[in-house]
Amino acid sequence: FDWGIGAIWGASPYATNVTESWNNRVTNCNTGIMVYNDSYPVFGS
């Protein structure tokens, strides 16, 4: 995709605590995670 995961205009999604060895895999996109316009996702803590 152009963006793999997008959070814009006040969006605040998050990734959960998973016990497996991987979480989201984003490949072959223009931008993996795009964030703007009053959005505060949690994907990297």
PDB file of all heavy atoms in Angstrom:
ATOM      1  N   PHE A   1       0.824  -1.204   0.000  1.00  0.00           N
ATOM      2  CA  PHE A   1       0.000   0.000   0.000  1.00  0.00           C
ATOM      3  C   PHE A   1       0.861   1.258   0.000  1.00  0.00           C
ATOM      4  O   PHE A   1       2.057   1.201   0.261  1.00  0.00           O
ATOM      5  CB  PHE A   1      -0.917   0.022   1.229  1.00  0.00           C
ATOM      6  CG  PHE A   1      -2.066  -0.935   1.144  1.00  0.00           C
ATOM      7  CD1 PHE A   1      -1.931  -2.246   1.550  1.00  0.00           C
ATOM      8  CD2 PHE A   1      -3.293  -0.522   0.649  1.00  0.00           C
ATOM      9  CE1 PHE A   1      -2.987  -3.132   1.477  1.00  0.00           C
ATOM     10  CE2 PHE A   1      -4.359  -1.395   0.570  1.00  0.00           C
ATOM     11  CZ  PHE A   1      -4.198  -2.705   0.986  1.00  0.00           C
ATOM     12  N   ASP A   2       0.238   2.412  -0.243  1.00  0.00           N
ATOM     13  CA  ASP A   2       0.929   3.676  -0.082  1.00  0.00           C
ATOM     14  C   ASP A   2       1.354   3.810   1.387  1.00  0.00           C
ATOM     15  O   ASP A   2       2.506   4.071   1.693  1.00  0.00           O
ATOM     16  CB  ASP A   2       0.038   4.832  -0.527  1.00  0.00           C
ATOM     17  CG  ASP A   2       0.795   6.131  -0.637  1.00  0.00           C
ATOM     18  OD1 ASP A   2       2.003   6.104  -0.950  1.00  0.00           O
ATOM     19  OD2 ASP A   2       0.180   7.189  -0.426  1.00  0.00           O
ATOM     20  N   TRP A   3       0.403   3.636   2.315  1.00  0.00           N
ATOM     21  CA  TRP A   3       0.693   3.571   3.739  1.00  0.00           C
ATOM     22  C   TRP A   3       0.269   2.193   4.220  1.00  0.00           C
ATOM     23  O   TRP A   3      -0.839   1.738   3.916  1.00  0.00           O
ATOM     24  CB  TRP A   3      -0.087   4.581   4.555  1.00  0.00           C
ATOM     25  CG  TRP A   3       0.010   6.010   4.165  1.00  0.00           C
ATOM     26  CD1 TRP A   3       0.918   6.609   3.324  1.00  0.00           C
ATOM     27  CD2 TRP A   3      -0.849   7.048   4.613  1.00  0.00           C
ATOM     28  NE1 TRP A   3       0.675   7.946   3.236  1.00  0.00           N
ATOM     29  CE2 TRP A   3      -0.415   8.254   4.015  1.00  0.00           C
ATOM     30  CE3 TRP A   3      -1.932   7.087   5.463  1.00  0.00           C
ATOM     31  CZ2 TRP A   3      -1.034   9.462   4.241  1.00  0.00           C
ATOM     32  CZ3 TRP A   3      -2.553   8.292   5.685  1.00  0.00           C
ATOM     33  CH2 TRP A   3      -2.102   9.476   5.088  1.00  0.00           C
ATOM     34  N   GLY A   4       1.088   1.539   5.009  1.00  0.00           N
ATOM     35  CA  GLY A   4       0.696   0.253   5.580  1.00  0.00           C
ATOM     36  C   GLY A   4      -0.390   0.432   6.616  1.00  0.00           C
ATOM     37  O   GLY A   4      -1.476  -0.126   6.517  1.00  0.00           O
ATOM     38  N   ILE A   5      -0.088   1.234   7.660  1.00  0.00           N
ATOM     39  CA  ILE A   5      -1.048   1.553   8.721  1.00  0.00           C
ATOM     40  C   ILE A   5      -1.078   3.063   8.849  1.00  0.00           C
ATOM     41  O   ILE A   5      -0.025   3.701   8.955  1.00  0.00           O
ATOM     42  CB  ILE A   5      -0.662   0.900  10.061  1.00  0.00           C
ATOM     43  CG1 ILE A   5      -0.619  -0.635   9.921  1.00  0.00           C
ATOM     44  CG2 ILE A   5      -1.642   1.310  11.159  1.00  0.00           C
ATOM     45  CD1 ILE A   5      -0.059  -1.349  11.129  1.00  0.00           C
ATOM     46  N   GLY A   6      -2.264   3.657   8.842  1.00  0.00           N
ATOM     47  CA  GLY A   6      -2.402   5.103   8.953  1.00  0.00           C
ATOM     48  C   GLY A   6      -3.216   5.489  10.171  1.00  0.00           C
ATOM     49  O   GLY A   6      -4.196   4.817  10.507  1.00  0.00           O
ATOM     50  N   ALA A   7      -2.794   6.557  10.842  1.00  0.00           N
ATOM     51  CA  ALA A   7      -3.536   7.129  11.968  1.00  0.00           C
ATOM     52  C   ALA A   7      -3.579   8.636  11.750  1.00  0.00           C
ATOM     53  O   ALA A   7      -2.567   9.316  11.909  1.00  0.00           O
ATOM     54  CB  ALA A   7      -2.871   6.792  13.290  1.00  0.00           C
ATOM     55  N   ILE A   8      -4.753   9.152  11.346  1.00  0.00           N
ATOM     56  CA  ILE A   8      -4.880  10.575  11.070  1.00  0.00           C
ATOM     57  C   ILE A   8      -6.194  11.114  11.630  1.00  0.00           C
ATOM     58  O   ILE A   8      -7.101  10.368  11.940  1.00  0.00           O
ATOM     59  CB  ILE A   8      -4.776  10.878   9.554  1.00  0.00           C
ATOM     60  CG1 ILE A   8      -5.980  10.356   8.790  1.00  0.00           C
ATOM     61  CG2 ILE A   8      -3.499  10.298   8.973  1.00  0.00           C
ATOM     62  CD1 ILE A   8      -6.048  10.858   7.358  1.00  0.00           C
ATOM     63  N   TRP A   9      -6.257  12.437  11.745  1.00  0.00           N
ATOM     64  CA  TRP A   9      -7.454  13.152  12.200  1.00  0.00           C
ATOM     65  C   TRP A   9      -8.013  12.598  13.513  1.00  0.00           C
ATOM     66  O   TRP A   9      -9.152  12.160  13.602  1.00  0.00           O
ATOM     67  CB  TRP A   9      -8.530  13.181  11.120  1.00  0.00           C
ATOM     68  CG  TRP A   9      -8.091  13.930   9.908  1.00  0.00           C
ATOM     69  CD1 TRP A   9      -7.783  13.407   8.688  1.00  0.00           C
ATOM     70  CD2 TRP A   9      -7.876  15.337   9.798  1.00  0.00           C
ATOM     71  NE1 TRP A   9      -7.386  14.405   7.832  1.00  0.00           N
ATOM     72  CE2 TRP A   9      -7.437  15.616   8.495  1.00  0.00           C
ATOM     73  CE3 TRP A   9      -7.996  16.410  10.697  1.00  0.00           C
ATOM     74  CZ2 TRP A   9      -7.124  16.886   8.056  1.00  0.00           C
ATOM     75  CZ3 TRP A   9      -7.688  17.678  10.255  1.00  0.00           C
ATOM     76  CH2 TRP A   9      -7.261  17.900   8.937  1.00  0.00           C
ATOM     77  N   GLY A  10      -7.165  12.605  14.548  1.00  0.00           N
ATOM     78  CA  GLY A  10      -7.615  12.249  15.893  1.00  0.00           C
ATOM     79  C   GLY A  10      -7.732  10.757  16.139  1.00  0.00           C
ATOM     80  O   GLY A  10      -8.477  10.338  17.017  1.00  0.00           O
ATOM     81  N   ALA A  11      -7.002   9.949  15.424  1.00  0.00           N
ATOM     82  CA  ALA A  11      -7.043   8.497  15.607  1.00  0.00           C
ATOM     83  C   ALA A  11      -5.943   8.053  16.567  1.00  0.00           C
ATOM     84  O   ALA A  11      -4.829   8.553  16.506  1.00  0.00           O
ATOM     85  CB  ALA A  11      -6.871   7.799  14.268  1.00  0.00           C
ATOM     86  N   SER A  12      -6.252   7.103  17.434  1.00  0.00           N
ATOM     87  CA  SER A  12      -5.266   6.633  18.410  1.00  0.00           C
ATOM     88  C   SER A  12      -5.324   5.113  18.570  1.00  0.00           C
ATOM     89  O   SER A  12      -5.631   4.598  19.640  1.00  0.00           O
ATOM     90  CB  SER A  12      -5.503   7.318  19.755  1.00  0.00           C
ATOM     91  OG  SER A  12      -5.285   8.705  19.624  1.00  0.00           O
ATOM     92  N   PRO A  13      -5.018   4.366  17.521  1.00  0.00           N
ATOM     93  CA  PRO A  13      -4.969   2.904  17.651  1.00  0.00           C
ATOM     94  C   PRO A  13      -3.709   2.471  18.386  1.00  0.00           C
ATOM     95  O   PRO A  13      -2.801   3.265  18.620  1.00  0.00           O
ATOM     96  CB  PRO A  13      -4.938   2.434  16.195  1.00  0.00           C
ATOM     97  CG  PRO A  13      -4.219   3.531  15.485  1.00  0.00           C
ATOM     98  CD  PRO A  13      -4.668   4.799  16.164  1.00  0.00           C
ATOM     99  N   TYR A  14      -3.638   1.199  18.733  1.00  0.00           N
ATOM    100  CA  TYR A  14      -2.453   0.687  19.394  1.00  0.00           C
ATOM    101  C   TYR A  14      -2.233  -0.777  19.030  1.00  0.00           C
ATOM    102  O   TYR A  14      -3.143  -1.479  18.603  1.00  0.00           O
ATOM    103  CB  TYR A  14      -2.545   0.863  20.911  1.00  0.00           C
ATOM    104  CG  TYR A  14      -3.721   0.170  21.557  1.00  0.00           C
ATOM    105  CD1 TYR A  14      -3.574  -1.080  22.129  1.00  0.00           C
ATOM    106  CD2 TYR A  14      -4.976   0.783  21.601  1.00  0.00           C
ATOM    107  CE1 TYR A  14      -4.653  -1.720  22.729  1.00  0.00           C
ATOM    108  CE2 TYR A  14      -6.052   0.154  22.198  1.00  0.00           C
ATOM    109  CZ  TYR A  14      -5.890  -1.105  22.760  1.00  0.00           C
ATOM    110  OH  TYR A  14      -6.953  -1.721  23.346  1.00  0.00           O
ATOM    111  N   ALA A  15      -1.000  -1.195  19.197  1.00  0.00           N
ATOM    112  CA  ALA A  15      -0.650  -2.607  19.073  1.00  0.00           C
ATOM    113  C   ALA A  15      -0.759  -3.220  20.454  1.00  0.00           C
ATOM    114  O   ALA A  15      -0.489  -2.564  21.448  1.00  0.00           O
ATOM    115  CB  ALA A  15       0.769  -2.755  18.532  1.00  0.00           C
ATOM    116  N   THR A  16      -1.177  -4.448  20.525  1.00  0.00           N
ATOM    117  CA  THR A  16      -1.329  -5.096  21.827  1.00  0.00           C
ATOM    118  C   THR A  16      -0.075  -5.847  22.206  1.00  0.00           C
ATOM    119  O   THR A  16       0.782  -6.115  21.390  1.00  0.00           O
ATOM    120  CB  THR A  16      -2.496  -6.099  21.809  1.00  0.00           C
ATOM    121  OG1 THR A  16      -2.230  -7.078  20.814  1.00  0.00           O
ATOM    122  CG2 THR A  16      -3.811  -5.405  21.549  1.00  0.00           C
ATOM    123  N   ASN A  17      -0.007  -6.220  23.444  1.00  0.00           N
ATOM    124  CA  ASN A  17       1.081  -7.036  23.944  1.00  0.00           C
ATOM    125  C   ASN A  17       0.822  -8.467  23.478  1.00  0.00           C
ATOM    126  O   ASN A  17      -0.094  -9.120  23.935  1.00  0.00           O
ATOM    127  CB  ASN A  17       1.110  -6.950  25.474  1.00  0.00           C
ATOM    128  CG  ASN A  17       2.305  -7.649  26.055  1.00  0.00           C
ATOM    129  OD1 ASN A  17       3.074  -8.279  25.347  1.00  0.00           O
ATOM    130  ND2 ASN A  17       2.448  -7.533  27.355  1.00  0.00           N
ATOM    131  N   VAL A  18       1.608  -8.938  22.535  1.00  0.00           N
ATOM    132  CA  VAL A  18       1.441 -10.297  22.025  1.00  0.00           C
ATOM    133  C   VAL A  18       2.576 -11.166  22.529  1.00  0.00           C
ATOM    134  O   VAL A  18       3.669 -10.688  22.795  1.00  0.00           O
ATOM    135  CB  VAL A  18       1.399 -10.322  20.469  1.00  0.00           C
ATOM    136  CG1 VAL A  18       0.188  -9.578  19.962  1.00  0.00           C
ATOM    137  CG2 VAL A  18       2.660  -9.742  19.884  1.00  0.00           C
ATOM    138  N   THR A  19       2.324 -12.453  22.674  1.00  0.00           N
ATOM    139  CA  THR A  19       3.351 -13.344  23.192  1.00  0.00           C
ATOM    140  C   THR A  19       4.134 -14.036  22.078  1.00  0.00           C
ATOM    141  O   THR A  19       5.140 -14.661  22.334  1.00  0.00           O
ATOM    142  CB  THR A  19       2.712 -14.428  24.089  1.00  0.00           C
ATOM    143  OG1 THR A  19       1.724 -15.140  23.324  1.00  0.00           O
ATOM    144  CG2 THR A  19       2.066 -13.785  25.307  1.00  0.00           C
ATOM    145  N   GLU A  20       3.672 -13.914  20.843  1.00  0.00           N
ATOM    146  CA  GLU A  20       4.378 -14.508  19.727  1.00  0.00           C
ATOM    147  C   GLU A  20       5.614 -13.673  19.397  1.00  0.00           C
ATOM    148  O   GLU A  20       5.805 -12.587  19.908  1.00  0.00           O
ATOM    149  CB  GLU A  20       3.460 -14.593  18.498  1.00  0.00           C
ATOM    150  CG  GLU A  20       2.264 -15.511  18.675  1.00  0.00           C
ATOM    151  CD  GLU A  20       1.117 -14.856  19.431  1.00  0.00           C
ATOM    152  OE1 GLU A  20       1.231 -13.688  19.832  1.00  0.00           O
ATOM    153  OE2 GLU A  20       0.098 -15.516  19.637  1.00  0.00           O
ATOM    154  N   SER A  21       6.436 -14.164  18.478  1.00  0.00           N
ATOM    155  CA  SER A  21       7.694 -13.488  18.183  1.00  0.00           C
ATOM    156  C   SER A  21       7.551 -12.317  17.218  1.00  0.00           C
ATOM    157  O   SER A  21       8.540 -11.700  16.881  1.00  0.00           O
ATOM    158  CB  SER A  21       8.689 -14.505  17.615  1.00  0.00           C
ATOM    159  OG  SER A  21       8.181 -15.038  16.418  1.00  0.00           O
ATOM    160  N   TRP A  22       6.355 -12.010  16.752  1.00  0.00           N
ATOM    161  CA  TRP A  22       6.170 -10.862  15.861  1.00  0.00           C
ATOM    162  C   TRP A  22       4.818 -10.217  16.126  1.00  0.00           C
ATOM    163  O   TRP A  22       3.912 -10.827  16.666  1.00  0.00           O
ATOM    164  CB  TRP A  22       6.307 -11.253  14.399  1.00  0.00           C
ATOM    165  CG  TRP A  22       5.268 -12.236  13.912  1.00  0.00           C
ATOM    166  CD1 TRP A  22       5.306 -13.587  14.044  1.00  0.00           C
ATOM    167  CD2 TRP A  22       4.044 -11.935  13.238  1.00  0.00           C
ATOM    168  NE1 TRP A  22       4.192 -14.136  13.489  1.00  0.00           N
ATOM    169  CE2 TRP A  22       3.403 -13.151  12.986  1.00  0.00           C
ATOM    170  CE3 TRP A  22       3.443 -10.750  12.816  1.00  0.00           C
ATOM    171  CZ2 TRP A  22       2.174 -13.229  12.339  1.00  0.00           C
ATOM    172  CZ3 TRP A  22       2.220 -10.829  12.174  1.00  0.00           C
ATOM    173  CH2 TRP A  22       1.602 -12.054  11.939  1.00  0.00           C
ATOM    174  N   ASN A  23       4.740  -8.960  15.734  1.00  0.00           N
ATOM    175  CA  ASN A  23       3.482  -8.236  15.844  1.00  0.00           C
ATOM    176  C   ASN A  23       3.046  -7.901  14.425  1.00  0.00           C
ATOM    177  O   ASN A  23       2.952  -8.804  13.601  1.00  0.00           O
ATOM    178  CB  ASN A  23       3.663  -7.001  16.723  1.00  0.00           C
ATOM    179  CG  ASN A  23       2.358  -6.534  17.333  1.00  0.00           C
ATOM    180  OD1 ASN A  23       1.301  -6.784  16.797  1.00  0.00           O
ATOM    181  ND2 ASN A  23       2.435  -5.860  18.460  1.00  0.00           N
ATOM    182  N   ASN A  24       2.822  -6.652  14.089  1.00  0.00           N
ATOM    183  CA  ASN A  24       2.470  -6.294  12.712  1.00  0.00           C
ATOM    184  C   ASN A  24       3.705  -6.394  11.824  1.00  0.00           C
ATOM    185  O   ASN A  24       4.799  -6.006  12.228  1.00  0.00           O
ATOM    186  CB  ASN A  24       1.927  -4.860  12.662  1.00  0.00           C
ATOM    187  CG  ASN A  24       0.621  -4.726  13.399  1.00  0.00           C
ATOM    188  OD1 ASN A  24      -0.363  -5.326  13.030  1.00  0.00           O
ATOM    189  ND2 ASN A  24       0.634  -3.942  14.471  1.00  0.00           N
ATOM    190  N   ARG A  25       3.499  -6.899  10.604  1.00  0.00           N
ATOM    191  CA  ARG A  25       4.562  -6.908   9.592  1.00  0.00           C
ATOM    192  C   ARG A  25       4.087  -6.045   8.446  1.00  0.00           C
ATOM    193  O   ARG A  25       3.044  -6.317   7.846  1.00  0.00           O
ATOM    194  CB  ARG A  25       4.833  -8.322   9.077  1.00  0.00           C
ATOM    195  CG  ARG A  25       5.497  -9.198  10.092  1.00  0.00           C
ATOM    196  CD  ARG A  25       5.901 -10.513   9.495  1.00  0.00           C
ATOM    197  NE  ARG A  25       4.706 -11.296   9.198  1.00  0.00           N
ATOM    198  CZ  ARG A  25       4.686 -12.612   9.111  1.00  0.00           C
ATOM    199  NH1 ARG A  25       5.797 -13.296   9.284  1.00  0.00           N
ATOM    200  NH2 ARG A  25       3.582 -13.252   8.844  1.00  0.00           N
ATOM    201  N   VAL A  26       4.840  -4.990   8.145  1.00  0.00           N
ATOM    202  CA  VAL A  26       4.471  -4.056   7.078  1.00  0.00           C
ATOM    203  C   VAL A  26       5.592  -4.076   6.050  1.00  0.00           C
ATOM    204  O   VAL A  26       6.733  -3.731   6.366  1.00  0.00           O
ATOM    205  CB  VAL A  26       4.257  -2.630   7.633  1.00  0.00           C
ATOM    206  CG1 VAL A  26       3.841  -1.687   6.525  1.00  0.00           C
ATOM    207  CG2 VAL A  26       3.205  -2.645   8.755  1.00  0.00           C
ATOM    208  N   THR A  27       5.269  -4.481   4.821  1.00  0.00           N
ATOM    209  CA  THR A  27       6.288  -4.622   3.785  1.00  0.00           C
ATOM    210  C   THR A  27       5.827  -4.014   2.467  1.00  0.00           C
ATOM    211  O   THR A  27       4.626  -3.922   2.184  1.00  0.00           O
ATOM    212  CB  THR A  27       6.630  -6.108   3.537  1.00  0.00           C
ATOM    213  OG1 THR A  27       5.456  -6.799   3.123  1.00  0.00           O
ATOM    214  CG2 THR A  27       7.178  -6.762   4.787  1.00  0.00           C
ATOM    215  N   ASN A  28       6.804  -3.586   1.678  1.00  0.00           N
ATOM    216  CA  ASN A  28       6.580  -3.095   0.312  1.00  0.00           C
ATOM    217  C   ASN A  28       5.562  -1.961   0.231  1.00  0.00           C
ATOM    218  O   ASN A  28       4.774  -1.894  -0.709  1.00  0.00           O
ATOM    219  CB  ASN A  28       6.176  -4.245  -0.613  1.00  0.00           C
ATOM    220  CG  ASN A  28       7.255  -5.288  -0.694  1.00  0.00           C
ATOM    221  OD1 ASN A  28       8.428  -4.967  -0.847  1.00  0.00           O
ATOM    222  ND2 ASN A  28       6.869  -6.542  -0.559  1.00  0.00           N
ATOM    223  N   CYS A  29       5.580  -1.070   1.200  1.00  0.00           N
ATOM    224  CA  CYS A  29       4.700   0.106   1.211  1.00  0.00           C
ATOM    225  C   CYS A  29       5.548   1.366   0.998  1.00  0.00           C
ATOM    226  O   CYS A  29       6.755   1.357   1.237  1.00  0.00           O
ATOM    227  CB  CYS A  29       3.955   0.221   2.539  1.00  0.00           C
ATOM    228  SG  CYS A  29       2.778  -1.121   2.837  1.00  0.00           S
ATOM    229  N   ASN A  30       4.902   2.443   0.592  1.00  0.00           N
ATOM    230  CA  ASN A  30       5.611   3.711   0.526  1.00  0.00           C
ATOM    231  C   ASN A  30       6.006   4.141   1.939  1.00  0.00           C
ATOM    232  O   ASN A  30       7.157   4.458   2.206  1.00  0.00           O
ATOM    233  CB  ASN A  30       4.756   4.774  -0.163  1.00  0.00           C
ATOM    234  CG  ASN A  30       5.513   6.072  -0.360  1.00  0.00           C
ATOM    235  OD1 ASN A  30       6.725   6.076  -0.525  1.00  0.00           O
ATOM    236  ND2 ASN A  30       4.795   7.160  -0.335  1.00  0.00           N
ATOM    237  N   THR A  31       5.049   4.128   2.882  1.00  0.00           N
ATOM    238  CA  THR A  31       5.303   4.455   4.281  1.00  0.00           C
ATOM    239  C   THR A  31       4.690   3.367   5.152  1.00  0.00           C
ATOM    240  O   THR A  31       3.507   3.057   5.010  1.00  0.00           O
ATOM    241  CB  THR A  31       4.701   5.819   4.657  1.00  0.00           C
ATOM    242  OG1 THR A  31       5.223   6.815   3.771  1.00  0.00           O
ATOM    243  CG2 THR A  31       5.026   6.195   6.091  1.00  0.00           C
ATOM    244  N   GLY A  32       5.465   2.794   6.051  1.00  0.00           N
ATOM    245  CA  GLY A  32       4.971   1.718   6.914  1.00  0.00           C
ATOM    246  C   GLY A  32       3.856   2.178   7.836  1.00  0.00           C
ATOM    247  O   GLY A  32       2.750   1.658   7.797  1.00  0.00           O
ATOM    248  N   ILE A  33       4.144   3.179   8.699  1.00  0.00           N
ATOM    249  CA  ILE A  33       3.129   3.783   9.571  1.00  0.00           C
ATOM    250  C   ILE A  33       3.154   5.283   9.333  1.00  0.00           C
ATOM    251  O   ILE A  33       4.200   5.918   9.440  1.00  0.00           O
ATOM    252  CB  ILE A  33       3.388   3.495  11.061  1.00  0.00           C
ATOM    253  CG1 ILE A  33       3.225   1.993  11.345  1.00  0.00           C
ATOM    254  CG2 ILE A  33       2.436   4.298  11.940  1.00  0.00           C
ATOM    255  CD1 ILE A  33       3.510   1.615  12.789  1.00  0.00           C
ATOM    256  N   MET A  34       1.994   5.862   9.008  1.00  0.00           N
ATOM    257  CA  MET A  34       1.841   7.303   8.789  1.00  0.00           C
ATOM    258  C   MET A  34       0.971   7.870   9.911  1.00  0.00           C
ATOM    259  O   MET A  34      -0.100   7.322  10.196  1.00  0.00           O
ATOM    260  CB  MET A  34       1.182   7.579   7.445  1.00  0.00           C
ATOM    261  CG  MET A  34       0.793   9.029   7.216  1.00  0.00           C
ATOM    262  SD  MET A  34       2.193  10.147   7.128  1.00  0.00           S
ATOM    263  CE  MET A  34       2.658   9.953   5.430  1.00  0.00           C
ATOM    264  N   VAL A  35       1.444   8.957  10.541  1.00  0.00           N
ATOM    265  CA  VAL A  35       0.719   9.581  11.651  1.00  0.00           C
ATOM    266  C   VAL A  35       0.676  11.084  11.442  1.00  0.00           C
ATOM    267  O   VAL A  35       1.718  11.701  11.214  1.00  0.00           O
ATOM    268  CB  VAL A  35       1.416   9.288  13.003  1.00  0.00           C
ATOM    269  CG1 VAL A  35       0.656   9.950  14.148  1.00  0.00           C
ATOM    270  CG2 VAL A  35       1.556   7.790  13.236  1.00  0.00           C
ATOM    271  N   TYR A  36      -0.541  11.693  11.504  1.00  0.00           N
ATOM    272  CA  TYR A  36      -0.638  13.146  11.512  1.00  0.00           C
ATOM    273  C   TYR A  36      -2.010  13.614  11.956  1.00  0.00           C
ATOM    274  O   TYR A  36      -2.917  12.808  12.173  1.00  0.00           O
ATOM    275  CB  TYR A  36      -0.225  13.760  10.175  1.00  0.00           C
ATOM    276  CG  TYR A  36      -1.108  13.518   8.969  1.00  0.00           C
ATOM    277  CD1 TYR A  36      -2.163  14.370   8.667  1.00  0.00           C
ATOM    278  CD2 TYR A  36      -0.858  12.469   8.108  1.00  0.00           C
ATOM    279  CE1 TYR A  36      -2.945  14.172   7.544  1.00  0.00           C
ATOM    280  CE2 TYR A  36      -1.624  12.270   6.982  1.00  0.00           C
ATOM    281  CZ  TYR A  36      -2.669  13.124   6.701  1.00  0.00           C
ATOM    282  OH  TYR A  36      -3.442  12.925   5.589  1.00  0.00           O
ATOM    283  N   ASN A  37      -2.129  14.926  12.140  1.00  0.00           N
ATOM    284  CA  ASN A  37      -3.361  15.621  12.505  1.00  0.00           C
ATOM    285  C   ASN A  37      -3.990  15.121  13.802  1.00  0.00           C
ATOM    286  O   ASN A  37      -5.040  14.497  13.800  1.00  0.00           O
ATOM    287  CB  ASN A  37      -4.395  15.563  11.379  1.00  0.00           C
ATOM    288  CG  ASN A  37      -4.022  16.484  10.263  1.00  0.00           C
ATOM    289  OD1 ASN A  37      -2.862  16.545   9.876  1.00  0.00           O
ATOM    290  ND2 ASN A  37      -4.982  17.212   9.737  1.00  0.00           N
ATOM    291  N   ASP A  38      -3.333  15.418  14.929  1.00  0.00           N
ATOM    292  CA  ASP A  38      -3.888  15.172  16.251  1.00  0.00           C
ATOM    293  C   ASP A  38      -4.086  13.687  16.540  1.00  0.00           C
ATOM    294  O   ASP A  38      -5.050  13.296  17.187  1.00  0.00           O
ATOM    295  CB  ASP A  38      -5.202  15.948  16.426  1.00  0.00           C
ATOM    296  CG  ASP A  38      -5.549  16.187  17.884  1.00  0.00           C
ATOM    297  OD1 ASP A  38      -4.632  16.214  18.718  1.00  0.00           O
ATOM    298  OD2 ASP A  38      -6.754  16.340  18.180  1.00  0.00           O
ATOM    299  N   SER A  39      -3.175  12.862  16.075  1.00  0.00           N
ATOM    300  CA  SER A  39      -3.249  11.416  16.306  1.00  0.00           C
ATOM    301  C   SER A  39      -2.081  10.964  17.169  1.00  0.00           C
ATOM    302  O   SER A  39      -0.966  11.455  17.027  1.00  0.00           O
ATOM    303  CB  SER A  39      -3.240  10.676  14.971  1.00  0.00           C
ATOM    304  OG  SER A  39      -4.389  11.017  14.238  1.00  0.00           O
ATOM    305  N   TYR A  40      -2.346   9.993  18.036  1.00  0.00           N
ATOM    306  CA  TYR A  40      -1.339   9.521  18.972  1.00  0.00           C
ATOM    307  C   TYR A  40      -1.390   7.994  19.116  1.00  0.00           C
ATOM    308  O   TYR A  40      -1.732   7.460  20.168  1.00  0.00           O
ATOM    309  CB  TYR A  40      -1.519  10.193  20.337  1.00  0.00           C
ATOM    310  CG  TYR A  40      -1.279  11.674  20.277  1.00  0.00           C
ATOM    311  CD1 TYR A  40      -2.326  12.555  20.012  1.00  0.00           C
ATOM    312  CD2 TYR A  40      -0.002  12.184  20.444  1.00  0.00           C
ATOM    313  CE1 TYR A  40      -2.099  13.918  19.919  1.00  0.00           C
ATOM    314  CE2 TYR A  40       0.236  13.546  20.354  1.00  0.00           C
ATOM    315  CZ  TYR A  40      -0.820  14.407  20.098  1.00  0.00           C
ATOM    316  OH  TYR A  40      -0.582  15.746  20.001  1.00  0.00           O
ATOM    317  N   PRO A  41      -1.060   7.265  18.067  1.00  0.00           N
ATOM    318  CA  PRO A  41      -1.076   5.811  18.175  1.00  0.00           C
ATOM    319  C   PRO A  41       0.087   5.288  19.024  1.00  0.00           C
ATOM    320  O   PRO A  41       1.088   5.967  19.204  1.00  0.00           O
ATOM    321  CB  PRO A  41      -0.933   5.354  16.720  1.00  0.00           C
ATOM    322  CG  PRO A  41      -0.202   6.463  16.064  1.00  0.00           C
ATOM    323  CD  PRO A  41      -0.664   7.725  16.743  1.00  0.00           C
ATOM    324  N   VAL A  42      -0.072   4.069  19.518  1.00  0.00           N
ATOM    325  CA  VAL A  42       0.964   3.405  20.304  1.00  0.00           C
ATOM    326  C   VAL A  42       1.360   2.140  19.548  1.00  0.00           C
ATOM    327  O   VAL A  42       0.665   1.132  19.578  1.00  0.00           O
ATOM    328  CB  VAL A  42       0.467   3.057  21.724  1.00  0.00           C
ATOM    329  CG1 VAL A  42       1.543   2.307  22.504  1.00  0.00           C
ATOM    330  CG2 VAL A  42       0.043   4.311  22.459  1.00  0.00           C
ATOM    331  N   PHE A  43       2.476   2.224  18.833  1.00  0.00           N
ATOM    332  CA  PHE A  43       3.000   1.081  18.088  1.00  0.00           C
ATOM    333  C   PHE A  43       4.454   0.806  18.384  1.00  0.00           C
ATOM    334  O   PHE A  43       5.019  -0.122  17.829  1.00  0.00           O
ATOM    335  CB  PHE A  43       2.849   1.308  16.574  1.00  0.00           C
ATOM    336  CG  PHE A  43       1.463   1.086  16.080  1.00  0.00           C
ATOM    337  CD1 PHE A  43       0.613   2.147  15.878  1.00  0.00           C
ATOM    338  CD2 PHE A  43       1.007  -0.191  15.822  1.00  0.00           C
ATOM    339  CE1 PHE A  43      -0.674   1.941  15.432  1.00  0.00           C
ATOM    340  CE2 PHE A  43      -0.279  -0.411  15.378  1.00  0.00           C
ATOM    341  CZ  PHE A  43      -1.126   0.660  15.181  1.00  0.00           C
ATOM    342  N   GLY A  44       5.069   1.593  19.243  1.00  0.00           N
ATOM    343  CA  GLY A  44       6.497   1.427  19.411  1.00  0.00           C
ATOM    344  C   GLY A  44       6.995   1.395  20.831  1.00  0.00           C
ATOM    345  O   GLY A  44       8.184   1.302  21.055  1.00  0.00           O
ATOM    346  N   SER A  45       6.126   1.487  21.836  1.00  0.00           N
ATOM    347  CA  SER A  45       6.599   1.460  23.222  1.00  0.00           C
ATOM    348  C   SER A  45       7.364   0.183  23.483  1.00  0.00           C
ATOM    349  O   SER A  45       6.981  -0.884  23.035  1.00  0.00           O
ATOM    350  CB  SER A  45       5.423   1.554  24.199  1.00  0.00           C
ATOM    351  OG  SER A  45       4.794   2.796  24.084  1.00  0.00           O
TER     352      SER A  45
END
